[in-house]
Amino acid sequence: MYIKHCEFVRAVVPEEQLLVFEPSMGWGPLCAFLDKPVPVNESGQVISFPHINDRTSMNGMVCCLINLGVLLWGAVIVVLIFALGALAR
């Protein structure tokens, strides 16, 4: 489905209006396509292109979500234990 969609977009959108972009390409092609300068910080150095979805970031996010899930399930279990204890009295 994704590949067919990409093929459709390439067939419909004029070449000069289409940028097929990979984040590994960095700022250059994106800024050139948008006719914008490459972003720089206050000292004039090029700001590195963000890599939010790299393997390390994704592994860290998955780890945090697993820990949050364990914590929430632990809280549910504790509440259930207290509720069942209160009902048993």
N, C-alpha and C. Protein backbone atom coordinates (compact mmCIF):
# COMPACT_ATOMS: atom_id res chain seq x y z
N MET A 1 0.83 -1.19 0.00
CA MET A 1 0.00 0.00 0.00
C MET A 1 0.87 1.26 0.00
N TYR A 2 1.88 1.29 0.86
CA TYR A 2 2.77 2.45 0.94
C TYR A 2 3.50 2.66 -0.38
N ILE A 3 4.03 1.58 -0.94
CA ILE A 3 4.77 1.68 -2.20
C ILE A 3 3.86 2.16 -3.32
N LYS A 4 2.63 1.63 -3.35
CA LYS A 4 1.68 2.07 -4.39
C LYS A 4 1.34 3.55 -4.22
N HIS A 5 1.21 4.00 -2.97
CA HIS A 5 0.93 5.41 -2.71
C HIS A 5 2.10 6.27 -3.20
N CYS A 6 3.32 5.86 -2.90
CA CYS A 6 4.50 6.61 -3.35
C CYS A 6 4.55 6.67 -4.87
N GLU A 7 4.27 5.57 -5.52
CA GLU A 7 4.24 5.54 -6.99
C GLU A 7 3.17 6.48 -7.53
N PHE A 8 2.01 6.49 -6.89
CA PHE A 8 0.92 7.37 -7.31
C PHE A 8 1.35 8.84 -7.18
N VAL A 9 1.94 9.19 -6.04
CA VAL A 9 2.37 10.57 -5.82
C VAL A 9 3.40 10.97 -6.86
N ARG A 10 4.38 10.09 -7.13
CA ARG A 10 5.40 10.40 -8.14
C ARG A 10 4.78 10.59 -9.53
N ALA A 11 3.72 9.85 -9.82
CA ALA A 11 3.07 9.95 -11.14
C ALA A 11 2.23 11.22 -11.26
N VAL A 12 1.66 11.69 -10.16
CA VAL A 12 0.72 12.81 -10.19
C VAL A 12 1.40 14.16 -9.97
N VAL A 13 2.35 14.21 -9.05
CA VAL A 13 2.97 15.50 -8.69
C VAL A 13 4.08 15.82 -9.68
N PRO A 14 4.10 17.05 -10.22
CA PRO A 14 5.18 17.45 -11.12
C PRO A 14 6.55 17.34 -10.43
N GLU A 15 7.55 16.92 -11.18
CA GLU A 15 8.87 16.66 -10.62
C GLU A 15 9.45 17.86 -9.87
N GLU A 16 9.22 19.06 -10.39
CA GLU A 16 9.78 20.27 -9.75
C GLU A 16 9.05 20.62 -8.45
N GLN A 17 7.92 19.97 -8.18
CA GLN A 17 7.16 20.21 -6.95
C GLN A 17 7.26 19.05 -5.97
N LEU A 18 8.09 18.07 -6.26
CA LEU A 18 8.18 16.87 -5.44
C LEU A 18 9.60 16.68 -4.91
N LEU A 19 9.71 16.48 -3.64
CA LEU A 19 11.00 16.14 -3.03
C LEU A 19 10.85 14.78 -2.38
N VAL A 20 11.61 13.84 -2.85
CA VAL A 20 11.68 12.52 -2.21
C VAL A 20 12.86 12.62 -1.26
N PHE A 21 12.56 12.66 0.02
CA PHE A 21 13.55 13.03 1.04
C PHE A 21 13.76 11.92 2.04
N GLU A 22 15.00 11.69 2.38
CA GLU A 22 15.39 10.80 3.47
C GLU A 22 16.11 11.64 4.51
N PRO A 23 15.78 11.50 5.79
CA PRO A 23 16.45 12.31 6.81
C PRO A 23 17.98 12.21 6.79
N SER A 24 18.51 11.09 6.32
CA SER A 24 19.96 10.94 6.27
C SER A 24 20.59 11.92 5.27
N MET A 25 19.78 12.53 4.41
CA MET A 25 20.27 13.49 3.43
C MET A 25 20.64 14.83 4.08
N GLY A 26 20.13 15.08 5.28
CA GLY A 26 20.44 16.32 5.98
C GLY A 26 19.65 17.52 5.46
N TRP A 27 20.11 18.71 5.88
CA TRP A 27 19.41 19.94 5.56
C TRP A 27 19.49 20.33 4.08
N GLY A 28 20.60 20.03 3.41
CA GLY A 28 20.87 20.53 2.06
C GLY A 28 19.72 20.41 1.09
N PRO A 29 19.30 19.18 0.74
CA PRO A 29 18.23 19.03 -0.25
C PRO A 29 16.90 19.64 0.20
N LEU A 30 16.59 19.51 1.48
CA LEU A 30 15.33 20.05 2.00
C LEU A 30 15.30 21.57 1.89
N CYS A 31 16.37 22.22 2.34
CA CYS A 31 16.42 23.69 2.29
C CYS A 31 16.45 24.19 0.85
N ALA A 32 17.17 23.49 -0.01
CA ALA A 32 17.21 23.89 -1.42
C ALA A 32 15.83 23.78 -2.05
N PHE A 33 15.12 22.70 -1.74
CA PHE A 33 13.78 22.50 -2.29
C PHE A 33 12.82 23.59 -1.81
N LEU A 34 12.94 23.96 -0.54
CA LEU A 34 12.05 24.98 0.04
C LEU A 34 12.56 26.40 -0.21
N ASP A 35 13.73 26.51 -0.84
CA ASP A 35 14.36 27.80 -1.10
C ASP A 35 14.56 28.59 0.20
N LYS A 36 15.08 27.88 1.19
CA LYS A 36 15.35 28.46 2.51
C LYS A 36 16.81 28.20 2.86
N PRO A 37 17.40 29.06 3.71
CA PRO A 37 18.78 28.81 4.11
C PRO A 37 18.86 27.64 5.10
N VAL A 38 20.03 27.03 5.13
CA VAL A 38 20.29 25.97 6.12
C VAL A 38 20.30 26.62 7.49
N PRO A 39 19.61 26.05 8.48
CA PRO A 39 19.55 26.67 9.81
C PRO A 39 20.92 26.70 10.49
N VAL A 40 21.19 27.84 11.13
CA VAL A 40 22.43 28.02 11.88
C VAL A 40 22.09 28.56 13.26
N ASN A 41 22.98 28.32 14.21
CA ASN A 41 22.77 28.85 15.56
C ASN A 41 23.33 30.26 15.65
N GLU A 42 23.34 30.83 16.87
CA GLU A 42 23.76 32.21 17.08
C GLU A 42 25.20 32.45 16.65
N SER A 43 26.05 31.43 16.75
CA SER A 43 27.46 31.60 16.38
C SER A 43 27.73 31.28 14.91
N GLY A 44 26.67 31.02 14.15
CA GLY A 44 26.82 30.79 12.72
C GLY A 44 27.11 29.35 12.33
N GLN A 45 27.10 28.44 13.29
CA GLN A 45 27.35 27.03 12.98
C GLN A 45 26.05 26.36 12.53
N VAL A 46 26.18 25.47 11.56
CA VAL A 46 25.01 24.75 11.06
C VAL A 46 24.44 23.88 12.17
N ILE A 47 23.14 23.96 12.37
CA ILE A 47 22.45 23.13 13.35
C ILE A 47 22.31 21.73 12.76
N SER A 48 22.72 20.73 13.50
CA SER A 48 22.65 19.36 12.97
C SER A 48 21.19 18.96 12.75
N PHE A 49 20.99 18.17 11.71
CA PHE A 49 19.64 17.72 11.38
C PHE A 49 19.15 16.78 12.46
N PRO A 50 17.92 16.96 12.96
CA PRO A 50 17.41 16.10 14.03
C PRO A 50 17.22 14.66 13.57
N HIS A 51 17.60 13.73 14.41
CA HIS A 51 17.44 12.31 14.13
C HIS A 51 16.64 11.69 15.27
N ILE A 52 15.39 12.08 15.39
CA ILE A 52 14.52 11.65 16.48
C ILE A 52 14.23 10.16 16.41
N ASN A 53 14.12 9.62 15.22
CA ASN A 53 13.71 8.22 15.08
C ASN A 53 14.88 7.28 14.86
N ASP A 54 16.07 7.64 15.34
CA ASP A 54 17.18 6.71 15.18
C ASP A 54 17.02 5.55 16.15
N ARG A 55 17.80 4.51 15.96
CA ARG A 55 17.66 3.28 16.74
C ARG A 55 17.81 3.53 18.24
N THR A 56 18.80 4.33 18.63
CA THR A 56 19.04 4.59 20.05
C THR A 56 17.85 5.29 20.69
N SER A 57 17.33 6.31 20.02
CA SER A 57 16.18 7.04 20.56
C SER A 57 14.96 6.14 20.67
N MET A 58 14.71 5.34 19.64
CA MET A 58 13.55 4.46 19.65
C MET A 58 13.68 3.39 20.74
N ASN A 59 14.88 2.83 20.92
CA ASN A 59 15.08 1.84 21.98
C ASN A 59 14.83 2.46 23.35
N GLY A 60 15.30 3.70 23.54
CA GLY A 60 15.06 4.39 24.80
C GLY A 60 13.58 4.64 25.03
N MET A 61 12.87 5.02 23.97
CA MET A 61 11.44 5.27 24.10
C MET A 61 10.69 3.98 24.43
N VAL A 62 11.04 2.90 23.77
CA VAL A 62 10.39 1.61 24.04
C VAL A 62 10.64 1.19 25.48
N CYS A 63 11.86 1.37 25.93
CA CYS A 63 12.20 1.01 27.31
C CYS A 63 11.37 1.83 28.31
N CYS A 64 11.23 3.13 28.05
CA CYS A 64 10.43 3.99 28.94
C CYS A 64 8.96 3.57 28.93
N LEU A 65 8.44 3.25 27.76
CA LEU A 65 7.04 2.82 27.67
C LEU A 65 6.81 1.50 28.39
N ILE A 66 7.75 0.58 28.27
CA ILE A 66 7.62 -0.70 28.99
C ILE A 66 7.64 -0.46 30.49
N ASN A 67 8.58 0.37 30.95
CA ASN A 67 8.65 0.68 32.38
C ASN A 67 7.37 1.36 32.87
N LEU A 68 6.83 2.27 32.08
CA LEU A 68 5.59 2.93 32.45
C LEU A 68 4.44 1.93 32.52
N GLY A 69 4.39 1.02 31.56
CA GLY A 69 3.35 -0.01 31.58
C GLY A 69 3.44 -0.90 32.80
N VAL A 70 4.67 -1.31 33.15
CA VAL A 70 4.86 -2.14 34.35
C VAL A 70 4.43 -1.38 35.59
N LEU A 71 4.79 -0.10 35.67
CA LEU A 71 4.41 0.72 36.82
C LEU A 71 2.89 0.86 36.93
N LEU A 72 2.24 1.12 35.81
CA LEU A 72 0.78 1.27 35.83
C LEU A 72 0.08 -0.04 36.19
N TRP A 73 0.54 -1.16 35.63
CA TRP A 73 -0.06 -2.44 35.99
C TRP A 73 0.18 -2.76 37.46
N GLY A 74 1.35 -2.39 37.96
CA GLY A 74 1.62 -2.57 39.39
C GLY A 74 0.65 -1.78 40.25
N ALA A 75 0.38 -0.54 39.84
CA ALA A 75 -0.57 0.29 40.58
C ALA A 75 -1.97 -0.32 40.54
N VAL A 76 -2.38 -0.84 39.38
CA VAL A 76 -3.70 -1.49 39.26
C VAL A 76 -3.78 -2.68 40.20
N ILE A 77 -2.74 -3.48 40.24
CA ILE A 77 -2.73 -4.67 41.10
C ILE A 77 -2.81 -4.28 42.57
N VAL A 78 -2.06 -3.25 42.96
CA VAL A 78 -2.09 -2.80 44.36
C VAL A 78 -3.49 -2.31 44.72
N VAL A 79 -4.12 -1.53 43.85
CA VAL A 79 -5.47 -1.04 44.11
C VAL A 79 -6.45 -2.20 44.23
N LEU A 80 -6.33 -3.18 43.35
CA LEU A 80 -7.21 -4.35 43.42
C LEU A 80 -7.02 -5.13 44.70
N ILE A 81 -5.78 -5.28 45.13
CA ILE A 81 -5.52 -6.00 46.39
C ILE A 81 -6.17 -5.27 47.55
N PHE A 82 -6.01 -3.96 47.62
CA PHE A 82 -6.63 -3.20 48.71
C PHE A 82 -8.15 -3.25 48.63
N ALA A 83 -8.69 -3.17 47.42
CA ALA A 83 -10.16 -3.21 47.26
C ALA A 83 -10.70 -4.58 47.67
N LEU A 84 -10.03 -5.64 47.27
CA LEU A 84 -10.49 -6.98 47.66
C LEU A 84 -10.33 -7.22 49.15
N GLY A 85 -9.27 -6.65 49.73
CA GLY A 85 -9.09 -6.75 51.17
C GLY A 85 -10.18 -6.03 51.93
N ALA A 86 -10.59 -4.86 51.42
CA ALA A 86 -11.65 -4.09 52.08
C ALA A 86 -12.99 -4.82 51.96
N LEU A 87 -13.22 -5.47 50.84
CA LEU A 87 -14.48 -6.20 50.64
C LEU A 87 -14.53 -7.46 51.51
N ALA A 88 -13.38 -8.05 51.78
CA ALA A 88 -13.33 -9.30 52.56
C ALA A 88 -13.61 -9.03 54.05
N ARG A 89 -13.48 -7.84 54.50
CA ARG A 89 -13.70 -7.53 55.94
C ARG A 89 -15.12 -7.48 56.29
